[in-house]
Amino acid sequence: MFAVFKTGGKQYRVAAEDVLKVDKVKGERGEIVEFGEVLVVGGDSVMLGAPTVAGATVAAEVLDQGRGGKIIAFKKRRRKNSRRKRGHRQEFTLLRITEILTDGQKPSKVAQPRPKRTPAPKPEQAPDDAAAAASEAATEKPRKASAKKPDKTKSAAAKAKKSAAKGRSAPGKGAKKK
């Protein structure tokens, strides 16, 4: 079952157990909040609202209240020596959808406890597997040490010799003399 509801001027399509970030709504962490402006309820049969579905609500648990990243509003009017810099952080609420209710039902006032996830037990490696892993590590190609590249800069003596061969004066001595 899914629903489309409206809050904060935006519409959200949700299903049970979805986690979403909406504009700030009143509520403390762990509290259940209701959204009555439900536009569509879907599932086996779809109910469209005109503009809302009568008696339908979406219940959600407040996970967190927070503020988003900083947005800088900088305005500059060129050649007028006028600049304005203003920062803004939008407040949001993190929600987990608990129930989608129809026919005027009321949500449960207490959030249902989340089942604890237990990590899957790791199968222990057999001694043969450990030996195979060690042999793979031994067969890897060793990395070559990077050889230093020879310095490509020419010495001052080599430059002077080359320029003399072309009939020029030594570097830094001025113009060519005849």
Protein backbone atom coordinates (compact mmCIF):
# COMPACT_ATOMS: atom_id res chain seq x y z
CA MET A 1 0.00 0.00 0.00
CA PHE A 2 1.27 3.49 -0.83
CA ALA A 3 0.05 7.04 -0.36
CA VAL A 4 0.79 10.49 -1.70
CA PHE A 5 0.53 13.22 0.90
CA LYS A 6 1.30 16.92 0.99
CA THR A 7 3.29 18.85 3.58
CA GLY A 8 5.37 21.99 3.39
CA GLY A 9 4.10 22.76 -0.12
CA LYS A 10 5.57 19.52 -1.49
CA GLN A 11 4.10 16.11 -2.27
CA TYR A 12 5.67 12.82 -1.21
CA ARG A 13 4.90 9.27 -2.37
CA VAL A 14 5.46 6.90 0.55
CA ALA A 15 4.90 3.35 1.72
CA ALA A 16 5.14 1.85 5.19
CA GLU A 17 8.68 1.88 6.69
CA ASP A 18 9.94 4.55 4.26
CA VAL A 19 12.36 7.14 5.67
CA LEU A 20 12.17 10.64 4.23
CA LYS A 21 13.27 14.19 4.91
CA VAL A 22 10.53 16.86 4.91
CA ASP A 23 10.40 20.53 5.84
CA LYS A 24 10.24 21.01 9.59
CA VAL A 25 7.11 19.79 11.37
CA LYS A 26 6.39 20.03 15.09
CA GLY A 27 7.26 16.97 17.08
CA GLU A 28 9.91 15.54 19.37
CA ARG A 29 12.12 12.57 18.59
CA GLY A 30 10.12 9.32 18.92
CA GLU A 31 6.73 11.08 18.67
CA ILE A 32 4.06 10.08 16.14
CA VAL A 33 2.83 12.83 13.79
CA GLU A 34 -0.16 12.66 11.43
CA PHE A 35 -0.54 14.09 7.94
CA GLY A 36 -4.19 14.53 6.98
CA GLU A 37 -3.72 16.03 3.52
CA VAL A 38 -3.58 12.70 1.63
CA LEU A 39 -4.05 13.06 -2.13
CA VAL A 40 -3.89 9.41 -3.26
CA VAL A 41 -4.08 6.05 -1.50
CA GLY A 42 -3.03 3.07 -3.60
CA GLY A 43 -2.70 -0.66 -3.25
CA ASP A 44 -5.25 -3.23 -4.45
CA SER A 45 -7.59 -0.37 -5.37
CA VAL A 46 -6.57 3.22 -5.91
CA MET A 47 -8.50 6.04 -4.21
CA LEU A 48 -8.01 9.48 -5.69
CA GLY A 49 -8.90 12.54 -3.68
CA ALA A 50 -10.78 15.55 -4.91
CA PRO A 51 -8.60 17.30 -3.67
CA THR A 52 -7.95 14.95 -0.70
CA VAL A 53 -9.07 11.45 0.25
CA ALA A 54 -11.71 11.69 2.99
CA GLY A 55 -10.72 9.95 6.23
CA ALA A 56 -7.20 9.02 5.07
CA THR A 57 -4.12 9.90 7.13
CA VAL A 58 -0.44 9.05 7.06
CA ALA A 59 1.25 8.43 10.42
CA ALA A 60 4.99 8.86 10.83
CA GLU A 61 7.53 8.64 13.63
CA VAL A 62 9.91 11.58 14.08
CA LEU A 63 13.46 10.26 13.87
CA ASP A 64 15.35 13.54 14.01
CA GLN A 65 15.06 17.32 13.76
CA GLY A 66 17.98 18.96 11.97
CA ARG A 67 19.30 21.67 9.72
CA GLY A 68 20.59 21.25 6.18
CA GLY A 69 23.80 22.58 4.70
CA LYS A 70 24.49 26.29 4.46
CA ILE A 71 23.26 28.11 1.38
CA ILE A 72 24.93 31.45 0.63
CA ALA A 73 22.83 34.21 -0.96
CA PHE A 74 25.35 36.73 -2.34
CA LYS A 75 24.18 39.80 -4.22
CA LYS A 76 26.52 42.26 -5.92
CA ARG A 77 25.65 45.31 -7.90
CA ARG A 78 28.61 46.10 -10.11
CA ARG A 79 30.15 49.55 -10.10
CA LYS A 80 27.93 50.56 -7.15
CA ASN A 81 30.11 49.30 -4.26
CA SER A 82 27.10 47.32 -3.04
CA ARG A 83 27.43 43.75 -1.77
CA ARG A 84 25.20 41.66 0.50
CA LYS A 85 26.06 38.19 1.78
CA ARG A 86 23.47 36.21 3.69
CA GLY A 87 23.61 32.57 4.77
CA HIS A 88 20.68 30.22 5.36
CA ARG A 89 20.25 26.69 6.73
CA GLN A 90 16.89 25.07 6.05
CA GLU A 91 15.40 23.13 8.96
CA PHE A 92 14.10 19.63 8.27
CA THR A 93 12.49 16.67 10.00
CA LEU A 94 13.53 13.09 9.34
CA LEU A 95 10.50 10.78 9.39
CA ARG A 96 9.80 7.06 9.22
CA ILE A 97 6.33 6.25 7.87
CA THR A 98 4.64 3.87 10.30
CA GLU A 99 1.08 3.51 8.97
CA ILE A 100 -1.18 4.53 6.11
CA LEU A 101 -4.72 4.71 7.50
CA THR A 102 -8.10 4.98 5.77
CA ASP A 103 -11.72 5.30 6.90
CA GLY A 104 -10.95 7.69 9.76
CA GLN A 105 -8.81 5.26 11.76
CA LYS A 106 -6.48 6.71 14.38
CA PRO A 107 -2.77 5.87 14.49
CA SER A 108 -1.18 4.13 17.43
CA LYS A 109 0.26 6.76 19.75
CA VAL A 110 3.45 4.84 20.48
CA ALA A 111 6.05 4.01 17.88
CA GLN A 112 6.45 0.31 17.34
CA PRO A 113 9.87 -0.95 18.44
CA ARG A 114 12.18 -1.73 15.57
CA PRO A 115 13.42 -5.33 15.45
CA LYS A 116 17.14 -5.53 16.20
CA ARG A 117 19.24 -6.77 13.34
CA THR A 118 21.67 -9.47 14.25
CA PRO A 119 24.64 -9.96 11.95
CA ALA A 120 24.65 -13.22 10.06
CA PRO A 121 27.12 -15.71 11.52
CA LYS A 122 30.24 -15.96 9.41
CA PRO A 123 31.16 -19.49 8.39
CA GLU A 124 34.56 -20.34 9.78
CA GLN A 125 37.24 -21.07 7.21
CA ALA A 126 38.40 -24.64 6.99
CA PRO A 127 42.17 -25.17 7.25
CA ASP A 128 42.24 -25.98 3.52
CA ASP A 129 40.69 -22.58 2.72
CA ALA A 130 43.28 -20.77 4.86
CA ALA A 131 46.09 -22.59 3.08
CA ALA A 132 44.58 -21.69 -0.31
CA ALA A 133 44.35 -18.02 0.69
CA ALA A 134 47.99 -18.04 1.82
CA SER A 135 49.14 -19.63 -1.45
CA GLU A 136 47.23 -17.01 -3.46
CA ALA A 137 49.00 -14.23 -1.55
CA ALA A 138 52.37 -15.89 -2.28
CA THR A 139 51.66 -16.18 -6.02
CA GLU A 140 50.88 -12.47 -6.45
CA LYS A 141 53.37 -10.58 -8.58
CA PRO A 142 55.68 -8.40 -6.52
CA ARG A 143 55.54 -4.75 -7.39
CA LYS A 144 58.50 -3.33 -9.21
CA ALA A 145 60.40 -0.59 -7.50
CA SER A 146 60.13 2.55 -9.57
CA ALA A 147 63.45 3.33 -11.19
CA LYS A 148 64.60 6.91 -10.97
CA LYS A 149 64.47 8.72 -14.24
CA PRO A 150 67.65 10.52 -15.27
CA ASP A 151 67.64 14.27 -14.81
CA LYS A 152 66.86 15.91 -18.15
CA THR A 153 68.15 19.36 -17.24
CA LYS A 154 71.30 20.32 -19.07
CA SER A 155 74.34 21.60 -17.25
CA ALA A 156 75.49 25.16 -17.79
CA ALA A 157 78.67 23.96 -19.50
CA ALA A 158 76.72 21.91 -22.04
CA LYS A 159 74.47 24.89 -22.80
CA ALA A 160 77.47 27.20 -23.28
CA LYS A 161 79.15 24.69 -25.59
CA LYS A 162 76.03 24.34 -27.71
CA SER A 163 75.47 28.10 -28.00
CA ALA A 164 79.16 28.63 -28.92
CA ALA A 165 78.76 26.08 -31.72
CA LYS A 166 75.88 28.11 -33.10
CA GLY A 167 77.92 31.30 -32.96
CA ARG A 168 76.22 32.87 -30.00
CA SER A 169 77.71 34.36 -26.90
CA ALA A 170 77.44 32.59 -23.56
CA PRO A 171 74.02 32.78 -21.95
CA GLY A 172 73.42 35.93 -20.00
CA LYS A 173 76.27 37.84 -21.67
CA GLY A 174 74.16 40.03 -23.90
CA ALA A 175 73.87 40.29 -27.66
CA LYS A 176 76.02 38.40 -30.16
CA LYS A 177 79.28 40.21 -31.07
CA LYS A 178 80.74 40.30 -34.61
